[in-house]
């Protein structure tokens, strides 16, 4: 496989080989697995708890808001680690410090907005 299109042919061949491998695995799974319907298999299953009561229930939105705020600040903490490595290099100190203050300022404004809206109060 030499020439201009040799690399493309190799990538295409490996792509077809990968797709064929996945298709073979899924097809073998479909034909080799046991398949028997039972009443237990048709029951709704969620987190290991059997369903009790009606099919509709209210959920407090504040739990999702706390989870969302946690994810936002966890992802932002991940951004702080690469910044700390760049901050230590020569020539990046002042610029990267200013950029991080802007970044943390946006976070502070978001947190202040959530606090003013009463989102952080557990009632």
PDB file of N, CA and C in Angstrom:
ATOM      1  N   UNK A   1       0.838  -1.176   0.000  1.00  0.00           N
ATOM      2  CA  UNK A   1       0.000   0.000   0.000  1.00  0.00           C
ATOM      3  C   UNK A   1       0.885   1.241   0.000  1.00  0.00           C
ATOM      4  N   UNK A   2       1.414   1.515  -1.142  1.00  0.00           N
ATOM      5  CA  UNK A   2       2.267   2.680  -1.294  1.00  0.00           C
ATOM      6  C   UNK A   2       1.531   3.712  -2.128  1.00  0.00           C
ATOM      7  N   UNK A   3       2.036   4.880  -2.108  1.00  0.00           N
ATOM      8  CA  UNK A   3       1.452   5.945  -2.910  1.00  0.00           C
ATOM      9  C   UNK A   3       0.583   6.858  -2.082  1.00  0.00           C
ATOM     10  N   UNK A   4      -0.092   7.748  -2.801  1.00  0.00           N
ATOM     11  CA  UNK A   4      -0.884   8.788  -2.162  1.00  0.00           C
ATOM     12  C   UNK A   4      -2.084   8.208  -1.416  1.00  0.00           C
ATOM     13  N   UNK A   5      -2.782   7.263  -2.035  1.00  0.00           N
ATOM     14  CA  UNK A   5      -4.008   6.736  -1.435  1.00  0.00           C
ATOM     15  C   UNK A   5      -3.763   5.505  -0.567  1.00  0.00           C
ATOM     16  N   UNK A   6      -2.514   5.097  -0.401  1.00  0.00           N
ATOM     17  CA  UNK A   6      -2.212   3.923   0.409  1.00  0.00           C
ATOM     18  C   UNK A   6      -2.617   4.088   1.859  1.00  0.00           C
ATOM     19  N   UNK A   7      -2.354   5.250   2.432  1.00  0.00           N
ATOM     20  CA  UNK A   7      -2.738   5.510   3.823  1.00  0.00           C
ATOM     21  C   UNK A   7      -4.245   5.518   4.008  1.00  0.00           C
ATOM     22  N   UNK A   8      -4.949   6.108   3.044  1.00  0.00           N
ATOM     23  CA  UNK A   8      -6.412   6.131   3.116  1.00  0.00           C
ATOM     24  C   UNK A   8      -6.994   4.735   3.000  1.00  0.00           C
ATOM     25  N   UNK A   9      -6.394   3.921   2.120  1.00  0.00           N
ATOM     26  CA  UNK A   9      -6.876   2.548   1.957  1.00  0.00           C
ATOM     27  C   UNK A   9      -6.673   1.756   3.241  1.00  0.00           C
ATOM     28  N   UNK A  10      -5.546   1.955   3.894  1.00  0.00           N
ATOM     29  CA  UNK A  10      -5.282   1.251   5.147  1.00  0.00           C
ATOM     30  C   UNK A  10      -6.266   1.679   6.239  1.00  0.00           C
ATOM     31  N   UNK A  11      -6.535   2.971   6.330  1.00  0.00           N
ATOM     32  CA  UNK A  11      -7.501   3.457   7.325  1.00  0.00           C
ATOM     33  C   UNK A  11      -8.896   2.915   7.007  1.00  0.00           C
ATOM     34  N   UNK A  12      -9.273   2.918   5.734  1.00  0.00           N
ATOM     35  CA  UNK A  12     -10.575   2.379   5.350  1.00  0.00           C
ATOM     36  C   UNK A  12     -10.685   0.894   5.649  1.00  0.00           C
ATOM     37  N   UNK A  13      -9.613   0.134   5.382  1.00  0.00           N
ATOM     38  CA  UNK A  13      -9.613  -1.294   5.655  1.00  0.00           C
ATOM     39  C   UNK A  13      -9.733  -1.567   7.152  1.00  0.00           C
ATOM     40  N   UNK A  14      -9.003  -0.824   7.965  1.00  0.00           N
ATOM     41  CA  UNK A  14      -9.110  -0.992   9.411  1.00  0.00           C
ATOM     42  C   UNK A  14     -10.487  -0.577   9.935  1.00  0.00           C
ATOM     43  N   UNK A  15     -11.069   0.460   9.330  1.00  0.00           N
ATOM     44  CA  UNK A  15     -12.421   0.860   9.716  1.00  0.00           C
ATOM     45  C   UNK A  15     -13.431  -0.226   9.395  1.00  0.00           C
ATOM     46  N   UNK A  16     -13.328  -0.818   8.201  1.00  0.00           N
ATOM     47  CA  UNK A  16     -14.234  -1.910   7.837  1.00  0.00           C
ATOM     48  C   UNK A  16     -14.022  -3.123   8.732  1.00  0.00           C
ATOM     49  N   UNK A  17     -12.779  -3.404   9.066  1.00  0.00           N
ATOM     50  CA  UNK A  17     -12.486  -4.515   9.965  1.00  0.00           C
ATOM     51  C   UNK A  17     -13.105  -4.269  11.347  1.00  0.00           C
ATOM     52  N   UNK A  18     -13.016  -3.044  11.847  1.00  0.00           N
ATOM     53  CA  UNK A  18     -13.611  -2.709  13.141  1.00  0.00           C
ATOM     54  C   UNK A  18     -15.127  -2.816  13.122  1.00  0.00           C
ATOM     55  N   UNK A  19     -15.756  -2.295  12.062  1.00  0.00           N
ATOM     56  CA  UNK A  19     -17.216  -2.380  11.947  1.00  0.00           C
ATOM     57  C   UNK A  19     -17.647  -3.837  11.832  1.00  0.00           C
ATOM     58  N   UNK A  20     -16.896  -4.628  11.063  1.00  0.00           N
ATOM     59  CA  UNK A  20     -17.219  -6.048  10.933  1.00  0.00           C
ATOM     60  C   UNK A  20     -17.077  -6.794  12.253  1.00  0.00           C
ATOM     61  N   UNK A  21     -16.054  -6.442  13.036  1.00  0.00           N
ATOM     62  CA  UNK A  21     -15.860  -7.075  14.334  1.00  0.00           C
ATOM     63  C   UNK A  21     -17.026  -6.777  15.273  1.00  0.00           C
ATOM     64  N   UNK A  22     -17.463  -5.525  15.312  1.00  0.00           N
ATOM     65  CA  UNK A  22     -18.593  -5.148  16.168  1.00  0.00           C
ATOM     66  C   UNK A  22     -19.873  -5.820  15.680  1.00  0.00           C
ATOM     67  N   UNK A  23     -20.109  -5.829  14.360  1.00  0.00           N
ATOM     68  CA  UNK A  23     -21.317  -6.462  13.807  1.00  0.00           C
ATOM     69  C   UNK A  23     -21.324  -7.959  14.106  1.00  0.00           C
ATOM     70  N   UNK A  24     -20.168  -8.610  13.983  1.00  0.00           N
ATOM     71  CA  UNK A  24     -20.092 -10.041  14.286  1.00  0.00           C
ATOM     72  C   UNK A  24     -20.401 -10.300  15.756  1.00  0.00           C
ATOM     73  N   UNK A  25     -19.845  -9.485  16.651  1.00  0.00           N
ATOM     74  CA  UNK A  25     -20.092  -9.663  18.079  1.00  0.00           C
ATOM     75  C   UNK A  25     -21.560  -9.466  18.444  1.00  0.00           C
ATOM     76  N   UNK A  26     -22.174  -8.425  17.892  1.00  0.00           N
ATOM     77  CA  UNK A  26     -23.593  -8.179  18.183  1.00  0.00           C
ATOM     78  C   UNK A  26     -24.480  -9.267  17.589  1.00  0.00           C
ATOM     79  N   UNK A  27     -24.137  -9.728  16.377  1.00  0.00           N
ATOM     80  CA  UNK A  27     -24.919 -10.799  15.756  1.00  0.00           C
ATOM     81  C   UNK A  27     -24.789 -12.104  16.520  1.00  0.00           C
ATOM     82  N   UNK A  28     -23.570 -12.435  16.957  1.00  0.00           N
ATOM     83  CA  UNK A  28     -23.377 -13.655  17.743  1.00  0.00           C
ATOM     84  C   UNK A  28     -24.143 -13.565  19.058  1.00  0.00           C
ATOM     85  N   UNK A  29     -24.181 -12.407  19.675  1.00  0.00           N
ATOM     86  CA  UNK A  29     -24.930 -12.228  20.910  1.00  0.00           C
ATOM     87  C   UNK A  29     -26.419 -12.467  20.674  1.00  0.00           C
ATOM     88  N   UNK A  30     -26.919 -11.964  19.573  1.00  0.00           N
ATOM     89  CA  UNK A  30     -28.351 -12.101  19.283  1.00  0.00           C
ATOM     90  C   UNK A  30     -28.742 -13.556  19.051  1.00  0.00           C
ATOM     91  N   UNK A  31     -27.885 -14.307  18.391  1.00  0.00           N
ATOM     92  CA  UNK A  31     -28.232 -15.692  18.074  1.00  0.00           C
ATOM     93  C   UNK A  31     -27.906 -16.676  19.199  1.00  0.00           C
ATOM     94  N   UNK A  32     -26.985 -16.376  20.056  1.00  0.00           N
ATOM     95  CA  UNK A  32     -26.557 -17.323  21.077  1.00  0.00           C
ATOM     96  C   UNK A  32     -27.185 -17.107  22.447  1.00  0.00           C
ATOM     97  N   UNK A  33     -27.829 -15.981  22.669  1.00  0.00           N
ATOM     98  CA  UNK A  33     -28.371 -15.712  24.000  1.00  0.00           C
ATOM     99  C   UNK A  33     -29.682 -16.480  24.217  1.00  0.00           C
ATOM    100  N   UNK A  34     -29.979 -16.822  25.458  1.00  0.00           N
ATOM    101  CA  UNK A  34     -31.278 -17.440  25.746  1.00  0.00           C
ATOM    102  C   UNK A  34     -32.372 -16.373  25.726  1.00  0.00           C
ATOM    103  N   UNK A  35     -33.522 -16.727  25.228  1.00  0.00           N
ATOM    104  CA  UNK A  35     -34.615 -15.767  25.113  1.00  0.00           C
ATOM    105  C   UNK A  35     -35.910 -16.427  25.567  1.00  0.00           C
ATOM    106  N   UNK A  36     -36.340 -16.086  26.757  1.00  0.00           N
ATOM    107  CA  UNK A  36     -37.602 -16.597  27.287  1.00  0.00           C
ATOM    108  C   UNK A  36     -38.324 -15.448  27.972  1.00  0.00           C
ATOM    109  N   UNK A  37     -39.531 -15.160  27.547  1.00  0.00           N
ATOM    110  CA  UNK A  37     -40.321 -14.116  28.195  1.00  0.00           C
ATOM    111  C   UNK A  37     -40.921 -14.657  29.485  1.00  0.00           C
ATOM    112  N   UNK A  38     -40.895 -13.822  30.500  1.00  0.00           N
ATOM    113  CA  UNK A  38     -41.545 -14.162  31.761  1.00  0.00           C
ATOM    114  C   UNK A  38     -42.127 -12.874  32.340  1.00  0.00           C
ATOM    115  N   UNK A  39     -42.978 -13.045  33.324  1.00  0.00           N
ATOM    116  CA  UNK A  39     -43.587 -11.875  33.946  1.00  0.00           C
ATOM    117  C   UNK A  39     -42.585 -10.993  34.656  1.00  0.00           C
ATOM    118  N   UNK A  40     -41.542 -11.592  35.217  1.00  0.00           N
ATOM    119  CA  UNK A  40     -40.526 -10.818  35.935  1.00  0.00           C
ATOM    120  C   UNK A  40     -39.713  -9.945  34.987  1.00  0.00           C
ATOM    121  N   UNK A  41     -39.502 -10.401  33.767  1.00  0.00           N
ATOM    122  CA  UNK A  41     -38.727  -9.612  32.817  1.00  0.00           C
ATOM    123  C   UNK A  41     -39.487  -8.400  32.306  1.00  0.00           C
ATOM    124  N   UNK A  42     -40.805  -8.434  32.375  1.00  0.00           N
ATOM    125  CA  UNK A  42     -41.613  -7.342  31.850  1.00  0.00           C
ATOM    126  C   UNK A  42     -41.955  -6.298  32.901  1.00  0.00           C
ATOM    127  N   UNK A  43     -41.528  -6.491  34.147  1.00  0.00           N
ATOM    128  CA  UNK A  43     -41.785  -5.529  35.217  1.00  0.00           C
ATOM    129  C   UNK A  43     -40.755  -4.408  35.129  1.00  0.00           C
ATOM    130  N   UNK A  44     -41.187  -3.188  35.392  1.00  0.00           N
ATOM    131  CA  UNK A  44     -40.273  -2.062  35.400  1.00  0.00           C
ATOM    132  C   UNK A  44     -39.265  -2.236  36.523  1.00  0.00           C
ATOM    133  N   UNK A  45     -38.008  -2.048  36.195  1.00  0.00           N
ATOM    134  CA  UNK A  45     -36.926  -2.244  37.166  1.00  0.00           C
ATOM    135  C   UNK A  45     -36.099  -0.979  37.213  1.00  0.00           C
ATOM    136  N   UNK A  46     -35.979  -0.400  38.399  1.00  0.00           N
ATOM    137  CA  UNK A  46     -35.196   0.816  38.508  1.00  0.00           C
ATOM    138  C   UNK A  46     -34.401   0.799  39.798  1.00  0.00           C
ATOM    139  N   UNK A  47     -33.101   0.768  39.669  1.00  0.00           N
ATOM    140  CA  UNK A  47     -32.163   0.853  40.787  1.00  0.00           C
ATOM    141  C   UNK A  47     -32.373  -0.247  41.812  1.00  0.00           C
ATOM    142  N   UNK A  48     -32.830  -1.396  41.393  1.00  0.00           N
ATOM    143  CA  UNK A  48     -32.977  -2.524  42.295  1.00  0.00           C
ATOM    144  C   UNK A  48     -34.181  -2.461  43.199  1.00  0.00           C
ATOM    145  N   UNK A  49     -35.073  -1.506  43.001  1.00  0.00           N
ATOM    146  CA  UNK A  49     -36.248  -1.353  43.848  1.00  0.00           C
ATOM    147  C   UNK A  49     -37.479  -1.708  43.029  1.00  0.00           C
ATOM    148  N   UNK A  50     -38.316  -2.580  43.579  1.00  0.00           N
ATOM    149  CA  UNK A  50     -39.548  -2.922  42.881  1.00  0.00           C
ATOM    150  C   UNK A  50     -40.489  -1.727  42.889  1.00  0.00           C
ATOM    151  N   UNK A  51     -41.191  -1.495  41.778  1.00  0.00           N
ATOM    152  CA  UNK A  51     -42.115  -0.346  41.727  1.00  0.00           C
ATOM    153  C   UNK A  51     -43.308  -0.557  42.658  1.00  0.00           C
ATOM    154  N   UNK A  52     -43.643   0.514  43.375  1.00  0.00           N
ATOM    155  CA  UNK A  52     -44.762   0.484  44.302  1.00  0.00           C
ATOM    156  C   UNK A  52     -45.588   1.727  44.056  1.00  0.00           C
ATOM    157  N   UNK A  53     -46.892   1.600  44.040  1.00  0.00           N
ATOM    158  CA  UNK A  53     -47.763   2.752  43.885  1.00  0.00           C
ATOM    159  C   UNK A  53     -48.083   3.051  42.431  1.00  0.00           C
ATOM    160  N   UNK A  54     -48.494   4.291  42.195  1.00  0.00           N
ATOM    161  CA  UNK A  54     -48.896   4.685  40.842  1.00  0.00           C
ATOM    162  C   UNK A  54     -47.667   4.970  39.982  1.00  0.00           C
ATOM    163  N   UNK A  55     -47.916   5.189  38.714  1.00  0.00           N
ATOM    164  CA  UNK A  55     -46.825   5.418  37.779  1.00  0.00           C
ATOM    165  C   UNK A  55     -46.407   6.878  37.702  1.00  0.00           C
ATOM    166  N   UNK A  56     -46.985   7.769  38.490  1.00  0.00           N
ATOM    167  CA  UNK A  56     -46.631   9.181  38.449  1.00  0.00           C
ATOM    168  C   UNK A  56     -46.397   9.674  39.863  1.00  0.00           C
ATOM    169  N   UNK A  57     -45.307  10.372  40.074  1.00  0.00           N
ATOM    170  CA  UNK A  57     -44.997  10.941  41.384  1.00  0.00           C
ATOM    171  C   UNK A  57     -44.217  12.225  41.179  1.00  0.00           C
ATOM    172  N   UNK A  58     -44.430  13.172  42.077  1.00  0.00           N
ATOM    173  CA  UNK A  58     -43.704  14.430  41.983  1.00  0.00           C
ATOM    174  C   UNK A  58     -42.293  14.267  42.545  1.00  0.00           C
ATOM    175  N   UNK A  59     -41.362  14.966  41.926  1.00  0.00           N
ATOM    176  CA  UNK A  59     -39.980  14.969  42.379  1.00  0.00           C
ATOM    177  C   UNK A  59     -39.568  16.412  42.613  1.00  0.00           C
ATOM    178  N   UNK A  60     -38.868  16.643  43.692  1.00  0.00           N
ATOM    179  CA  UNK A  60     -38.413  17.993  43.985  1.00  0.00           C
ATOM    180  C   UNK A  60     -37.292  18.384  43.021  1.00  0.00           C
ATOM    181  N   UNK A  61     -37.412  19.543  42.421  1.00  0.00           N
ATOM    182  CA  UNK A  61     -36.430  20.008  41.455  1.00  0.00           C
ATOM    183  C   UNK A  61     -35.131  20.414  42.138  1.00  0.00           C
ATOM    184  N   UNK A  62     -35.186  20.768  43.391  1.00  0.00           N
ATOM    185  CA  UNK A  62     -33.990  21.269  44.060  1.00  0.00           C
ATOM    186  C   UNK A  62     -32.882  20.216  44.119  1.00  0.00           C
ATOM    187  N   UNK A  63     -33.240  18.936  44.121  1.00  0.00           N
ATOM    188  CA  UNK A  63     -32.203  17.905  44.115  1.00  0.00           C
ATOM    189  C   UNK A  63     -31.394  17.972  42.826  1.00  0.00           C
ATOM    190  N   UNK A  64     -32.077  18.188  41.711  1.00  0.00           N
ATOM    191  CA  UNK A  64     -31.389  18.283  40.431  1.00  0.00           C
ATOM    192  C   UNK A  64     -30.557  19.565  40.347  1.00  0.00           C
ATOM    193  N   UNK A  65     -31.032  20.630  40.951  1.00  0.00           N
ATOM    194  CA  UNK A  65     -30.279  21.881  40.943  1.00  0.00           C
ATOM    195  C   UNK A  65     -28.986  21.719  41.733  1.00  0.00           C
ATOM    196  N   UNK A  66     -29.054  21.062  42.885  1.00  0.00           N
ATOM    197  CA  UNK A  66     -27.835  20.808  43.650  1.00  0.00           C
ATOM    198  C   UNK A  66     -26.865  19.932  42.863  1.00  0.00           C
ATOM    199  N   UNK A  67     -27.393  18.916  42.214  1.00  0.00           N
ATOM    200  CA  UNK A  67     -26.530  18.040  41.412  1.00  0.00           C
ATOM    201  C   UNK A  67     -25.896  18.813  40.264  1.00  0.00           C
ATOM    202  N   UNK A  68     -26.670  19.673  39.630  1.00  0.00           N
ATOM    203  CA  UNK A  68     -26.137  20.465  38.524  1.00  0.00           C
ATOM    204  C   UNK A  68     -25.057  21.436  39.005  1.00  0.00           C
ATOM    205  N   UNK A  69     -25.297  22.081  40.127  1.00  0.00           N
ATOM    206  CA  UNK A  69     -24.291  22.992  40.672  1.00  0.00           C
ATOM    207  C   UNK A  69     -23.023  22.236  41.058  1.00  0.00           C
ATOM    208  N   UNK A  70     -23.175  21.034  41.594  1.00  0.00           N
ATOM    209  CA  UNK A  70     -21.995  20.243  41.919  1.00  0.00           C
ATOM    210  C   UNK A  70     -21.195  19.914  40.661  1.00  0.00           C
ATOM    211  N   UNK A  71     -21.881  19.500  39.605  1.00  0.00           N
ATOM    212  CA  UNK A  71     -21.187  19.160  38.359  1.00  0.00           C
ATOM    213  C   UNK A  71     -20.472  20.384  37.801  1.00  0.00           C
ATOM    214  N   UNK A  72     -21.123  21.534  37.830  1.00  0.00           N
ATOM    215  CA  UNK A  72     -20.502  22.756  37.313  1.00  0.00           C
ATOM    216  C   UNK A  72     -19.222  23.063  38.067  1.00  0.00           C
ATOM    217  N   UNK A  73     -19.263  23.024  39.389  1.00  0.00           N
ATOM    218  CA  UNK A  73     -18.074  23.374  40.158  1.00  0.00           C
ATOM    219  C   UNK A  73     -17.021  22.269  40.131  1.00  0.00           C
ATOM    220  N   UNK A  74     -17.419  21.010  39.948  1.00  0.00           N
ATOM    221  CA  UNK A  74     -16.440  19.934  39.811  1.00  0.00           C
ATOM    222  C   UNK A  74     -15.689  20.063  38.498  1.00  0.00           C
ATOM    223  N   UNK A  75     -16.397  20.389  37.427  1.00  0.00           N
ATOM    224  CA  UNK A  75     -15.738  20.585  36.135  1.00  0.00           C
ATOM    225  C   UNK A  75     -14.828  21.801  36.193  1.00  0.00           C
ATOM    226  N   UNK A  76     -15.260  22.831  36.864  1.00  0.00           N
ATOM    227  CA  UNK A  76     -14.418  24.020  36.984  1.00  0.00           C
ATOM    228  C   UNK A  76     -13.164  23.726  37.800  1.00  0.00           C
ATOM    229  N   UNK A  77     -13.274  22.870  38.785  1.00  0.00           N
ATOM    230  CA  UNK A  77     -12.084  22.488  39.543  1.00  0.00           C
ATOM    231  C   UNK A  77     -11.102  21.727  38.663  1.00  0.00           C
ATOM    232  N   UNK A  78     -11.604  20.960  37.720  1.00  0.00           N
ATOM    233  CA  UNK A  78     -10.731  20.250  36.788  1.00  0.00           C
ATOM    234  C   UNK A  78      -9.961  21.246  35.927  1.00  0.00           C
ATOM    235  N   UNK A  79     -10.561  22.384  35.602  1.00  0.00           N
ATOM    236  CA  UNK A  79      -9.871  23.399  34.809  1.00  0.00           C
ATOM    237  C   UNK A  79      -8.774  24.108  35.611  1.00  0.00           C
ATOM    238  N   UNK A  80      -8.859  24.065  36.923  1.00  0.00           N
ATOM    239  CA  UNK A  80      -7.850  24.733  37.731  1.00  0.00           C
ATOM    240  C   UNK A  80      -6.508  24.002  37.718  1.00  0.00           C
ATOM    241  N   UNK A  81      -6.505  22.691  37.562  1.00  0.00           N
ATOM    242  CA  UNK A  81      -5.248  21.935  37.600  1.00  0.00           C
ATOM    243  C   UNK A  81      -4.350  22.240  36.407  1.00  0.00           C
ATOM    244  N   UNK A  82      -4.841  22.241  35.163  1.00  0.00           N
ATOM    245  CA  UNK A  82      -3.947  22.632  34.063  1.00  0.00           C
ATOM    246  C   UNK A  82      -3.482  24.081  34.187  1.00  0.00           C
ATOM    247  N   UNK A  83      -4.351  24.935  34.695  1.00  0.00           N
ATOM    248  CA  UNK A  83      -3.961  26.333  34.876  1.00  0.00           C
ATOM    249  C   UNK A  83      -2.785  26.436  35.847  1.00  0.00           C
ATOM    250  N   UNK A  84      -2.822  25.631  36.907  1.00  0.00           N
ATOM    251  CA  UNK A  84      -1.751  25.687  37.896  1.00  0.00           C
ATOM    252  C   UNK A  84      -0.425  25.249  37.293  1.00  0.00           C
ATOM    253  N   UNK A  85      -0.443  24.316  36.357  1.00  0.00           N
ATOM    254  CA  UNK A  85       0.814  23.888  35.734  1.00  0.00           C
ATOM    255  C   UNK A  85       1.344  24.952  34.781  1.00  0.00           C
ATOM    256  N   UNK A  86       0.469  25.649  34.073  1.00  0.00           N
ATOM    257  CA  UNK A  86       0.904  26.706  33.157  1.00  0.00           C
ATOM    258  C   UNK A  86       1.346  27.938  33.938  1.00  0.00           C
ATOM    259  N   UNK A  87       0.704  28.199  35.056  1.00  0.00           N
ATOM    260  CA  UNK A  87       1.026  29.377  35.851  1.00  0.00           C
ATOM    261  C   UNK A  87       2.470  29.342  36.341  1.00  0.00           C
ATOM    262  N   UNK A  88       3.004  28.162  36.578  1.00  0.00           N
ATOM    263  CA  UNK A  88       4.363  28.034  37.094  1.00  0.00           C
ATOM    264  C   UNK A  88       5.423  28.279  36.022  1.00  0.00           C
ATOM    265  N   UNK A  89       5.060  28.227  34.744  1.00  0.00           N
ATOM    266  CA  UNK A  89       6.051  28.422  33.679  1.00  0.00           C
ATOM    267  C   UNK A  89       6.414  29.901  33.541  1.00  0.00           C
ATOM    268  N   UNK A  90       7.600  30.113  33.064  1.00  0.00           N
ATOM    269  CA  UNK A  90       8.083  31.490  32.891  1.00  0.00           C
ATOM    270  C   UNK A  90       7.324  32.174  31.756  1.00  0.00           C
ATOM    271  N   UNK A  91       6.931  33.409  31.979  1.00  0.00           N
ATOM    272  CA  UNK A  91       6.267  34.185  30.941  1.00  0.00           C
ATOM    273  C   UNK A  91       4.759  34.065  30.926  1.00  0.00           C
ATOM    274  N   UNK A  92       4.189  33.127  31.676  1.00  0.00           N
ATOM    275  CA  UNK A  92       2.741  32.946  31.679  1.00  0.00           C
ATOM    276  C   UNK A  92       2.082  33.462  32.960  1.00  0.00           C
ATOM    277  N   UNK A  93       2.837  33.893  33.925  1.00  0.00           N
ATOM    278  CA  UNK A  93       2.303  34.242  35.239  1.00  0.00           C
ATOM    279  C   UNK A  93       1.217  35.286  35.219  1.00  0.00           C
ATOM    280  N   UNK A  94       1.513  36.491  34.722  1.00  0.00           N
ATOM    281  CA  UNK A  94       0.544  37.587  34.770  1.00  0.00           C
ATOM    282  C   UNK A  94      -0.667  37.354  33.888  1.00  0.00           C
ATOM    283  N   UNK A  95      -0.444  36.880  32.680  1.00  0.00           N
ATOM    284  CA  UNK A  95      -1.548  36.651  31.750  1.00  0.00           C
ATOM    285  C   UNK A  95      -2.462  35.542  32.246  1.00  0.00           C
ATOM    286  N   UNK A  96      -1.887  34.436  32.665  1.00  0.00           N
ATOM    287  CA  UNK A  96      -2.727  33.316  33.123  1.00  0.00           C
ATOM    288  C   UNK A  96      -3.419  33.657  34.440  1.00  0.00           C
ATOM    289  N   UNK A  97      -2.797  34.471  35.284  1.00  0.00           N
ATOM    290  CA  UNK A  97      -3.453  34.890  36.520  1.00  0.00           C
ATOM    291  C   UNK A  97      -4.670  35.762  36.212  1.00  0.00           C
ATOM    292  N   UNK A  98      -4.536  36.668  35.264  1.00  0.00           N
ATOM    293  CA  UNK A  98      -5.681  37.497  34.864  1.00  0.00           C
ATOM    294  C   UNK A  98      -6.808  36.675  34.262  1.00  0.00           C
ATOM    295  N   UNK A  99      -6.444  35.716  33.411  1.00  0.00           N
ATOM    296  CA  UNK A  99      -7.474  34.860  32.820  1.00  0.00           C
ATOM    297  C   UNK A  99      -8.191  34.038  33.881  1.00  0.00           C
ATOM    298  N   UNK A 100      -7.452  33.570  34.879  1.00  0.00           N
ATOM    299  CA  UNK A 100      -8.088  32.775  35.925  1.00  0.00           C
ATOM    300  C   UNK A 100      -8.994  33.634  36.787  1.00  0.00           C
ATOM    301  N   UNK A 101      -8.623  34.887  37.034  1.00  0.00           N
ATOM    302  CA  UNK A 101      -9.519  35.763  37.789  1.00  0.00           C
ATOM    303  C   UNK A 101     -10.804  36.047  37.015  1.00  0.00           C
ATOM    304  N   UNK A 102     -10.711  36.185  35.706  1.00  0.00           N
ATOM    305  CA  UNK A 102     -11.927  36.348  34.893  1.00  0.00           C
ATOM    306  C   UNK A 102     -12.790  35.097  34.993  1.00  0.00           C
ATOM    307  N   UNK A 103     -12.160  33.925  34.871  1.00  0.00           N
ATOM    308  CA  UNK A 103     -12.869  32.650  34.963  1.00  0.00           C
ATOM    309  C   UNK A 103     -13.545  32.496  36.323  1.00  0.00           C
ATOM    310  N   UNK A 104     -12.805  32.753  37.395  1.00  0.00           N
ATOM    311  CA  UNK A 104     -13.383  32.657  38.732  1.00  0.00           C
ATOM    312  C   UNK A 104     -14.439  33.738  38.974  1.00  0.00           C
ATOM    313  N   UNK A 105     -14.297  34.880  38.314  1.00  0.00           N
ATOM    314  CA  UNK A 105     -15.324  35.919  38.409  1.00  0.00           C
ATOM    315  C   UNK A 105     -16.644  35.461  37.815  1.00  0.00           C
ATOM    316  N   UNK A 106     -16.580  34.798  36.665  1.00  0.00           N
ATOM    317  CA  UNK A 106     -17.810  34.247  36.078  1.00  0.00           C
ATOM    318  C   UNK A 106     -18.447  33.224  37.010  1.00  0.00           C
ATOM    319  N   UNK A 107     -17.625  32.390  37.625  1.00  0.00           N
ATOM    320  CA  UNK A 107     -18.159  31.418  38.583  1.00  0.00           C
ATOM    321  C   UNK A 107     -18.798  32.108  39.779  1.00  0.00           C
ATOM    322  N   UNK A 108     -18.158  33.137  40.275  1.00  0.00           N
ATOM    323  CA  UNK A 108     -18.698  33.861  41.430  1.00  0.00           C
ATOM    324  C   UNK A 108     -20.020  34.536  41.087  1.00  0.00           C
ATOM    325  N   UNK A 109     -20.114  35.103  39.892  1.00  0.00           N
ATOM    326  CA  UNK A 109     -21.381  35.731  39.472  1.00  0.00           C
ATOM    327  C   UNK A 109     -22.482  34.682  39.381  1.00  0.00           C
ATOM    328  N   UNK A 110     -22.159  33.511  38.829  1.00  0.00           N
ATOM    329  CA  UNK A 110     -23.154  32.435  38.752  1.00  0.00           C
ATOM    330  C   UNK A 110     -23.594  31.954  40.117  1.00  0.00           C
ATOM    331  N   UNK A 111     -22.636  31.806  41.027  1.00  0.00           N
ATOM    332  CA  UNK A 111     -22.968  31.387  42.386  1.00  0.00           C
ATOM    333  C   UNK A 111     -23.781  32.456  43.108  1.00  0.00           C
ATOM    334  N   UNK A 112     -23.439  33.713  42.931  1.00  0.00           N
ATOM    335  CA  UNK A 112     -24.200  34.808  43.530  1.00  0.00           C
ATOM    336  C   UNK A 112     -25.626  34.846  42.984  1.00  0.00           C
ATOM    337  N   UNK A 113     -25.782  34.621  41.688  1.00  0.00           N
ATOM    338  CA  UNK A 113     -27.116  34.590  41.079  1.00  0.00           C
ATOM    339  C   UNK A 113     -27.947  33.450  41.675  1.00  0.00           C
ATOM    340  N   UNK A 114     -27.339  32.265  41.811  1.00  0.00           N
ATOM    341  CA  UNK A 114     -28.062  31.135  42.387  1.00  0.00           C
ATOM    342  C   UNK A 114     -28.434  31.409  43.838  1.00  0.00           C
ATOM    343  N   UNK A 115     -27.550  32.055  44.570  1.00  0.00           N
ATOM    344  CA  UNK A 115     -27.838  32.370  45.962  1.00  0.00           C
ATOM    345  C   UNK A 115     -28.961  33.399  46.078  1.00  0.00           C
ATOM    346  N   UNK A 116     -28.944  34.437  45.226  1.00  0.00           N
ATOM    347  CA  UNK A 116     -29.985  35.481  45.271  1.00  0.00           C
ATOM    348  C   UNK A 116     -31.340  34.914  44.877  1.00  0.00           C
ATOM    349  N   UNK A 117     -31.372  33.917  43.973  1.00  0.00           N
ATOM    350  CA  UNK A 117     -32.626  33.308  43.558  1.00  0.00           C
ATOM    351  C   UNK A 117     -33.172  32.346  44.613  1.00  0.00           C
ATOM    352  N   UNK A 118     -32.376  32.047  45.644  1.00  0.00           N
ATOM    353  CA  UNK A 118     -32.830  31.147  46.696  1.00  0.00           C
ATOM    354  C   UNK A 118     -32.657  29.679  46.359  1.00  0.00           C
ATOM    355  N   UNK A 119     -31.854  29.395  45.364  1.00  0.00           N
ATOM    356  CA  UNK A 119     -31.664  28.021  44.944  1.00  0.00           C
ATOM    357  C   UNK A 119     -30.880  27.230  45.990  1.00  0.00           C
ATOM    358  N   UNK A 120     -30.005  27.869  46.707  1.00  0.00           N
ATOM    359  CA  UNK A 120     -29.121  27.180  47.644  1.00  0.00           C
ATOM    360  C   UNK A 120     -29.733  26.989  49.023  1.00  0.00           C
ATOM    361  N   UNK A 121     -30.963  27.410  49.217  1.00  0.00           N
ATOM    362  CA  UNK A 121     -31.629  27.238  50.515  1.00  0.00           C
ATOM    363  C   UNK A 121     -32.398  25.931  50.522  1.00  0.00           C
ATOM    364  N   UNK A 122     -32.107  25.102  51.501  1.00  0.00           N
ATOM    365  CA  UNK A 122     -32.760  23.813  51.627  1.00  0.00           C
ATOM    366  C   UNK A 122     -34.003  24.009  52.496  1.00  0.00           C
ATOM    367  N   UNK A 123     -35.168  23.929  51.868  1.00  0.00           N
ATOM    368  CA  UNK A 123     -36.425  24.192  52.594  1.00  0.00           C
ATOM    369  C   UNK A 123     -37.163  22.915  52.831  1.00  0.00           C
TER     370      UNK A 123
END
